[in-house]
N, C-alpha and C. Protein backbone atom coordinates (compact mmCIF):
# COMPACT_ATOMS: atom_id res chain seq x y z
N MET A 1 59.00 42.26 145.78
CA MET A 1 59.98 43.38 146.46
C MET A 1 61.12 43.45 145.12
N LYS A 2 61.88 42.23 144.99
CA LYS A 2 62.66 42.13 144.30
C LYS A 2 62.43 42.68 142.50
N ARG A 3 61.28 42.42 142.25
CA ARG A 3 60.65 42.70 141.15
C ARG A 3 60.57 44.36 140.86
N LEU A 4 59.77 44.64 142.04
CA LEU A 4 59.73 46.47 142.13
C LEU A 4 60.99 46.97 142.03
N SER A 5 62.30 46.63 142.55
CA SER A 5 63.43 47.34 142.76
C SER A 5 64.05 47.12 141.18
N LEU A 6 64.01 45.78 140.84
CA LEU A 6 64.50 46.15 138.82
C LEU A 6 63.85 46.75 138.39
N LEU A 7 62.69 47.23 138.57
CA LEU A 7 61.78 47.85 137.53
C LEU A 7 62.40 48.79 137.92
N SER A 8 62.79 49.85 139.18
CA SER A 8 63.49 50.62 139.55
C SER A 8 64.77 51.19 138.78
N LEU A 9 65.51 49.98 138.81
CA LEU A 9 66.85 50.39 138.40
C LEU A 9 66.85 50.63 136.78
N ILE A 10 65.76 49.80 136.16
CA ILE A 10 65.49 50.32 135.01
C ILE A 10 65.30 51.39 134.30
N CYS A 11 64.29 52.27 135.40
CA CYS A 11 63.85 53.46 134.71
C CYS A 11 65.00 54.49 135.00
N ILE A 12 66.00 54.29 136.05
CA ILE A 12 66.56 55.13 136.47
C ILE A 12 67.82 54.57 135.48
N SER A 13 68.01 53.75 135.25
CA SER A 13 69.27 53.62 134.13
C SER A 13 68.38 54.03 132.29
N LEU A 14 66.91 54.26 132.31
CA LEU A 14 67.05 54.90 130.95
C LEU A 14 66.97 56.60 130.99
N VAL A 15 66.74 56.97 132.37
CA VAL A 15 66.79 58.39 132.64
C VAL A 15 67.93 58.73 132.62
N PHE A 16 69.28 58.06 133.19
CA PHE A 16 70.28 58.47 133.17
C PHE A 16 70.95 58.35 131.55
N ILE A 17 70.80 57.10 130.79
CA ILE A 17 71.17 56.88 129.15
C ILE A 17 70.53 58.03 129.00
N THR A 18 69.07 58.05 128.70
CA THR A 18 68.52 59.04 127.17
C THR A 18 68.41 60.17 127.93
N GLY A 19 68.53 60.23 129.44
CA GLY A 19 68.70 61.99 129.97
C GLY A 19 66.88 62.52 130.03
N THR A 20 65.94 61.27 129.32
CA THR A 20 64.34 61.47 129.73
C THR A 20 64.11 59.79 130.31
N PHE A 21 62.91 60.39 130.40
CA PHE A 21 61.72 59.06 130.74
C PHE A 21 60.51 59.38 130.71
N SER A 22 59.33 59.28 129.97
CA SER A 22 58.07 59.68 129.67
C SER A 22 57.77 58.24 129.29
N PHE A 23 56.39 58.05 129.92
CA PHE A 23 55.44 56.71 129.33
C PHE A 23 54.28 57.64 128.14
N ALA A 24 54.31 58.71 128.10
CA ALA A 24 53.66 59.51 126.90
C ALA A 24 54.20 60.48 125.95
N GLU A 25 54.00 60.37 125.10
CA GLU A 25 54.12 61.43 123.99
C GLU A 25 54.21 62.80 124.56
N GLU A 26 54.86 63.92 124.43
CA GLU A 26 54.52 65.23 124.32
C GLU A 26 53.95 65.91 123.52
N ALA A 27 52.71 66.32 123.67
CA ALA A 27 51.85 67.04 122.91
C ALA A 27 52.26 68.41 122.58
N THR A 28 52.42 68.77 120.84
CA THR A 28 53.05 69.98 120.27
C THR A 28 52.06 70.74 120.64
N PRO A 29 52.49 72.12 120.72
CA PRO A 29 51.51 73.13 121.34
C PRO A 29 50.99 73.87 119.96
N PRO A 30 49.66 74.01 120.36
CA PRO A 30 49.11 74.52 118.60
C PRO A 30 49.87 75.56 118.03
N GLN A 31 49.43 75.89 116.92
CA GLN A 31 50.02 76.54 115.70
C GLN A 31 49.22 77.96 116.30
N PHE A 32 48.17 77.87 116.69
CA PHE A 32 47.73 79.62 117.38
C PHE A 32 46.46 78.94 118.31
N SER A 33 45.71 80.23 118.73
CA SER A 33 44.38 80.09 119.24
C SER A 33 42.95 80.58 118.76
N VAL A 34 42.14 80.35 119.26
CA VAL A 34 40.83 80.90 118.41
C VAL A 34 40.54 81.61 119.18
N GLU A 35 40.10 83.13 119.09
CA GLU A 35 39.95 84.05 120.17
C GLU A 35 37.97 84.02 119.83
N ARG A 36 37.65 83.73 118.35
CA ARG A 36 36.68 84.02 118.17
C ARG A 36 36.64 83.03 116.83
N LEU A 37 35.26 82.33 116.95
CA LEU A 37 34.71 81.42 115.56
C LEU A 37 33.46 81.38 115.75
N VAL A 38 32.66 82.45 114.73
CA VAL A 38 31.06 82.90 114.57
C VAL A 38 30.58 82.59 113.47
N ILE A 39 29.09 81.94 113.23
CA ILE A 39 29.11 82.69 111.87
C ILE A 39 27.83 83.55 111.87
N ALA A 40 27.84 84.72 110.84
CA ALA A 40 27.13 85.50 110.55
C ALA A 40 26.63 85.70 108.97
N GLY A 41 25.59 86.96 109.03
CA GLY A 41 24.82 86.93 108.07
C GLY A 41 25.72 87.79 106.95
N SER A 42 26.89 88.70 107.59
CA SER A 42 27.84 89.54 106.63
C SER A 42 28.88 89.58 107.67
N ILE A 43 30.12 89.98 106.78
CA ILE A 43 31.41 90.67 107.06
C ILE A 43 31.05 92.23 106.46
N GLU A 44 31.18 92.88 107.48
CA GLU A 44 31.61 94.13 107.23
C GLU A 44 32.96 94.95 107.98
N ASP A 45 33.54 95.61 107.46
CA ASP A 45 34.76 96.06 108.18
C ASP A 45 36.17 94.95 108.56
N ARG A 46 36.10 93.81 108.29
CA ARG A 46 36.92 92.66 108.60
C ARG A 46 36.25 92.14 109.97
N GLU A 47 34.57 92.73 109.99
CA GLU A 47 34.36 91.70 111.37
C GLU A 47 32.71 91.23 110.92
N PRO A 48 32.53 90.20 111.89
CA PRO A 48 31.39 89.63 111.56
C PRO A 48 30.09 90.39 112.01
N PHE A 49 29.38 90.59 111.41
CA PHE A 49 28.09 91.77 111.32
C PHE A 49 26.60 90.39 111.23
N GLY A 50 25.57 90.17 112.58
CA GLY A 50 24.49 89.58 112.13
C GLY A 50 24.69 88.69 112.67
N VAL A 51 25.46 88.30 113.70
CA VAL A 51 25.92 86.43 114.04
C VAL A 51 24.47 86.22 114.81
N VAL A 52 24.53 85.34 114.64
CA VAL A 52 22.94 84.64 115.30
C VAL A 52 23.29 82.73 114.73
N ASP A 53 22.70 81.93 115.80
CA ASP A 53 23.08 80.59 115.08
C ASP A 53 21.58 79.71 114.71
N VAL A 54 20.79 81.07 114.45
CA VAL A 54 19.52 80.33 113.58
C VAL A 54 19.18 81.44 112.28
N PHE A 55 19.14 80.63 111.30
CA PHE A 55 18.66 81.54 109.97
C PHE A 55 17.51 81.22 109.28
N SER A 56 17.31 82.30 108.43
CA SER A 56 16.05 81.75 108.16
C SER A 56 16.27 81.37 106.62
N ALA A 57 14.97 80.38 106.06
CA ALA A 57 15.60 79.40 105.28
C ALA A 57 15.41 80.34 103.79
N SER A 58 15.09 81.63 103.95
CA SER A 58 15.65 82.30 102.63
C SER A 58 16.98 82.87 102.28
N THR A 59 17.86 82.84 103.93
CA THR A 59 19.08 83.19 103.77
C THR A 59 19.56 82.49 102.53
N GLU A 60 20.09 83.34 101.64
CA GLU A 60 21.57 82.52 100.62
C GLU A 60 22.49 82.24 101.01
N LEU A 61 22.99 83.20 101.65
CA LEU A 61 24.94 82.82 102.33
C LEU A 61 25.37 83.42 103.52
N VAL A 62 26.18 82.47 103.97
CA VAL A 62 26.36 82.67 105.32
C VAL A 62 28.20 82.60 105.55
N TYR A 63 28.54 83.02 106.77
CA TYR A 63 29.76 83.24 106.51
C TYR A 63 30.36 82.65 108.10
N CYS A 64 31.50 81.80 108.06
CA CYS A 64 32.28 81.41 109.30
C CYS A 64 33.55 82.60 109.59
N PHE A 65 33.69 83.01 110.68
CA PHE A 65 34.47 84.11 110.88
C PHE A 65 35.21 83.67 111.79
N LEU A 66 36.75 83.86 111.43
CA LEU A 66 37.53 83.18 112.63
C LEU A 66 38.55 84.51 113.00
N ASP A 67 38.73 84.71 114.18
CA ASP A 67 39.66 85.57 114.35
C ASP A 67 40.96 84.49 115.43
N ALA A 68 41.86 84.59 115.07
CA ALA A 68 42.42 83.82 115.50
C ALA A 68 44.12 84.85 115.94
N ARG A 69 44.74 83.92 117.07
CA ARG A 69 45.74 85.02 118.32
C ARG A 69 46.85 84.18 118.20
N ASP A 70 48.07 84.70 118.60
CA ASP A 70 49.36 84.17 118.75
C ASP A 70 49.81 83.68 117.75
N ILE A 71 49.57 83.29 116.52
CA ILE A 71 50.15 82.52 115.12
C ILE A 71 51.56 82.31 115.57
N ARG A 72 52.05 80.98 115.64
CA ARG A 72 53.39 80.89 115.97
C ARG A 72 54.39 80.71 114.48
N GLU A 73 53.32 80.62 113.26
CA GLU A 73 54.33 80.30 112.01
C GLU A 73 53.19 80.30 111.00
N ASP A 74 53.40 80.54 110.19
CA ASP A 74 52.70 80.68 108.64
C ASP A 74 52.03 79.41 108.58
N THR A 75 50.34 79.06 108.87
CA THR A 75 49.81 77.51 108.77
C THR A 75 48.70 77.48 107.97
N ILE A 76 47.87 76.77 107.28
CA ILE A 76 46.78 76.22 106.82
C ILE A 76 45.90 75.99 107.74
N VAL A 77 44.55 76.95 107.78
CA VAL A 77 43.30 76.00 108.35
C VAL A 77 42.44 75.86 107.88
N SER A 78 41.23 74.64 108.14
CA SER A 78 40.55 74.65 106.67
C SER A 78 38.89 74.63 107.57
N PHE A 79 38.23 75.16 107.02
CA PHE A 79 36.74 75.32 107.55
C PHE A 79 35.86 74.03 106.36
N VAL A 80 35.61 73.35 107.34
CA VAL A 80 34.93 72.34 107.17
C VAL A 80 33.37 72.58 107.14
N TRP A 81 32.68 72.65 106.00
CA TRP A 81 31.19 72.86 105.89
C TRP A 81 30.20 71.54 106.13
N TYR A 82 29.49 71.22 107.16
CA TYR A 82 28.65 70.16 107.27
C TYR A 82 26.80 70.59 107.31
N HIS A 83 25.83 69.90 105.94
CA HIS A 83 24.66 69.85 106.61
C HIS A 83 24.13 68.18 107.37
N GLY A 84 23.60 68.25 108.30
CA GLY A 84 23.70 67.89 109.28
C GLY A 84 24.79 66.35 109.35
N GLU A 85 25.21 65.68 108.87
CA GLU A 85 26.58 64.87 108.88
C GLU A 85 27.00 64.20 107.53
N THR A 86 26.63 65.61 106.53
CA THR A 86 27.36 65.57 104.81
C THR A 86 28.20 66.64 104.58
N GLU A 87 29.57 66.34 104.64
CA GLU A 87 30.26 67.27 103.91
C GLU A 87 30.07 67.81 102.88
N MET A 88 29.84 69.37 103.32
CA MET A 88 29.42 70.09 101.77
C MET A 88 30.52 70.98 101.11
N ALA A 89 31.49 70.96 102.19
CA ALA A 89 32.75 71.98 101.43
C ALA A 89 33.71 71.94 102.33
N LYS A 90 35.09 72.42 101.95
CA LYS A 90 35.93 72.68 102.64
C LYS A 90 36.53 73.60 102.05
N VAL A 91 37.33 74.49 102.54
CA VAL A 91 38.00 75.70 102.22
C VAL A 91 38.86 75.99 103.17
N ASP A 92 40.31 75.79 102.58
CA ASP A 92 41.67 75.92 103.04
C ASP A 92 42.15 77.78 102.92
N LEU A 93 42.41 77.94 103.71
CA LEU A 93 42.72 78.87 103.98
C LEU A 93 44.22 79.55 105.03
N THR A 94 44.64 80.32 104.56
CA THR A 94 46.12 80.97 105.16
C THR A 94 45.66 81.59 106.44
N LEU A 95 46.43 81.37 107.67
CA LEU A 95 47.03 81.95 108.82
C LEU A 95 48.52 82.33 108.23
N ARG A 96 48.73 83.81 108.63
CA ARG A 96 49.94 84.48 108.46
C ARG A 96 50.70 84.53 109.78
N ALA A 97 52.11 84.16 110.17
CA ALA A 97 52.61 84.57 111.73
C ALA A 97 52.08 85.89 112.26
N GLY A 98 51.96 85.84 113.54
CA GLY A 98 51.64 87.29 114.20
C GLY A 98 51.17 87.29 115.13
N THR A 99 50.78 88.41 115.93
CA THR A 99 49.71 88.02 116.97
C THR A 99 48.44 87.80 116.54
N ARG A 100 47.73 88.47 115.80
CA ARG A 100 46.54 88.08 114.96
C ARG A 100 46.17 88.13 113.76
N TRP A 101 45.16 87.10 113.03
CA TRP A 101 45.05 87.23 112.42
C TRP A 101 43.30 87.06 111.84
N ARG A 102 42.69 87.78 110.61
CA ARG A 102 41.08 87.29 110.82
C ARG A 102 40.91 87.18 109.37
N THR A 103 40.25 86.14 109.38
CA THR A 103 39.81 85.58 107.90
C THR A 103 38.57 84.54 108.13
N ASN A 104 37.57 84.26 106.93
CA ASN A 104 36.17 83.55 107.00
C ASN A 104 36.09 83.11 106.08
N SER A 105 35.03 82.14 105.77
CA SER A 105 34.75 81.43 104.67
C SER A 105 33.14 81.54 104.40
N SER A 106 32.51 81.54 103.33
CA SER A 106 31.22 81.68 103.11
C SER A 106 30.58 80.63 102.47
N LYS A 107 29.53 80.46 102.64
CA LYS A 107 28.86 78.77 101.98
C LYS A 107 27.26 79.59 101.13
N LYS A 108 27.02 79.50 100.43
CA LYS A 108 25.40 79.29 100.30
C LYS A 108 24.84 78.18 100.29
N LEU A 109 23.48 78.61 101.36
CA LEU A 109 22.88 77.46 101.12
C LEU A 109 21.99 76.80 100.90
N GLY A 110 21.82 76.94 99.84
CA GLY A 110 20.89 76.68 98.46
C GLY A 110 19.41 76.14 99.38
N GLY A 111 18.96 76.97 100.06
CA GLY A 111 17.99 76.54 100.59
C GLY A 111 17.35 75.35 101.97
N ARG A 112 18.68 74.62 101.69
CA ARG A 112 18.87 73.54 102.89
C ARG A 112 18.58 73.97 104.09
N GLN A 113 17.26 73.15 104.91
CA GLN A 113 17.18 73.32 106.21
C GLN A 113 17.69 72.62 106.97
N GLY A 114 17.94 72.92 108.43
CA GLY A 114 18.43 71.88 109.50
C GLY A 114 19.34 72.28 109.81
N ASP A 115 20.29 71.21 110.10
CA ASP A 115 21.66 71.56 111.53
C ASP A 115 22.67 71.61 110.60
N TRP A 116 23.49 72.71 110.72
CA TRP A 116 24.64 73.06 109.83
C TRP A 116 25.84 72.93 111.52
N ARG A 117 26.96 72.77 110.60
CA ARG A 117 28.19 72.79 111.97
C ARG A 117 29.63 73.28 110.65
N VAL A 118 30.30 73.70 111.45
CA VAL A 118 31.83 74.32 110.64
C VAL A 118 32.75 73.54 111.85
N GLU A 119 33.73 73.20 111.25
CA GLU A 119 34.82 72.18 111.82
C GLU A 119 36.14 73.13 111.56
N LEU A 120 36.93 73.74 112.50
CA LEU A 120 37.62 74.53 112.07
C LEU A 120 39.03 73.34 112.11
N GLN A 121 39.75 72.94 111.32
CA GLN A 121 40.69 72.41 111.39
C GLN A 121 41.88 72.52 111.09
N ASP A 122 43.02 71.91 111.63
CA ASP A 122 44.41 72.68 111.41
C ASP A 122 45.09 72.38 110.28
N ALA A 123 46.58 72.58 109.88
CA ALA A 123 47.03 71.51 108.83
C ALA A 123 47.05 69.93 108.97
N GLU A 124 47.00 69.45 110.14
CA GLU A 124 47.05 68.38 110.27
C GLU A 124 45.71 67.68 110.15
N GLY A 125 44.64 68.12 110.06
CA GLY A 125 43.39 67.58 110.04
C GLY A 125 42.74 67.99 111.35
N THR A 126 43.17 68.31 112.47
CA THR A 126 42.79 68.01 113.80
C THR A 126 41.70 69.11 113.90
N VAL A 127 40.92 68.69 114.45
CA VAL A 127 39.49 69.42 114.73
C VAL A 127 40.02 70.60 115.89
N VAL A 128 40.23 71.72 115.68
CA VAL A 128 40.80 72.70 117.25
C VAL A 128 39.27 73.44 117.38
N ASP A 129 38.21 73.58 116.61
CA ASP A 129 37.08 74.04 117.24
C ASP A 129 35.98 73.82 116.19
N THR A 130 34.22 73.62 116.55
CA THR A 130 33.60 73.63 115.92
C THR A 130 32.31 75.06 116.24
N VAL A 131 31.75 75.44 114.90
CA VAL A 131 30.73 76.42 115.44
C VAL A 131 29.10 75.71 114.85
N SER A 132 27.98 75.53 115.38
CA SER A 132 26.92 75.24 115.14
C SER A 132 26.09 76.07 114.76
N PHE A 133 25.00 75.92 113.81
CA PHE A 133 23.94 76.93 113.42
C PHE A 133 22.51 75.92 112.65
N SER A 134 21.46 76.42 112.29
CA SER A 134 20.00 75.48 111.90
C SER A 134 19.94 77.36 110.97
N VAL A 135 19.12 76.24 110.40
CA VAL A 135 18.17 77.38 108.89
C VAL A 135 17.21 76.27 109.07
N GLU A 136 16.18 77.53 109.45
CA GLU A 136 14.89 77.13 109.46
C GLU A 136 13.96 77.66 108.50
């Protein structure tokens, strides 16, 4: 009982002295939200066209399209392309502060069949979203 009371007294003292008491770090809010992250065969009028998750082996080029919303400040995002577990490309692009920003990254497939994915990473390298597709 005395041990619990001493612990309570220490916690109350910490709150009084520092004004806060927390066992966990507060997470910083994300710089933006992802409205859409899709793979498409082309981009037309700043929109993805031919959105699918399976492409023919004869497909030469695909696009990863991002529609970001509520961007708090200018920031960098990275499109990291993987074939299987092998990183094939990393493309850094800027998102400008505002209510909406659309951008895309493209990748030549080079006839590589199998499973692909694109990780969208924030400026700190944290994976924000992932989209997968395959080439058959």
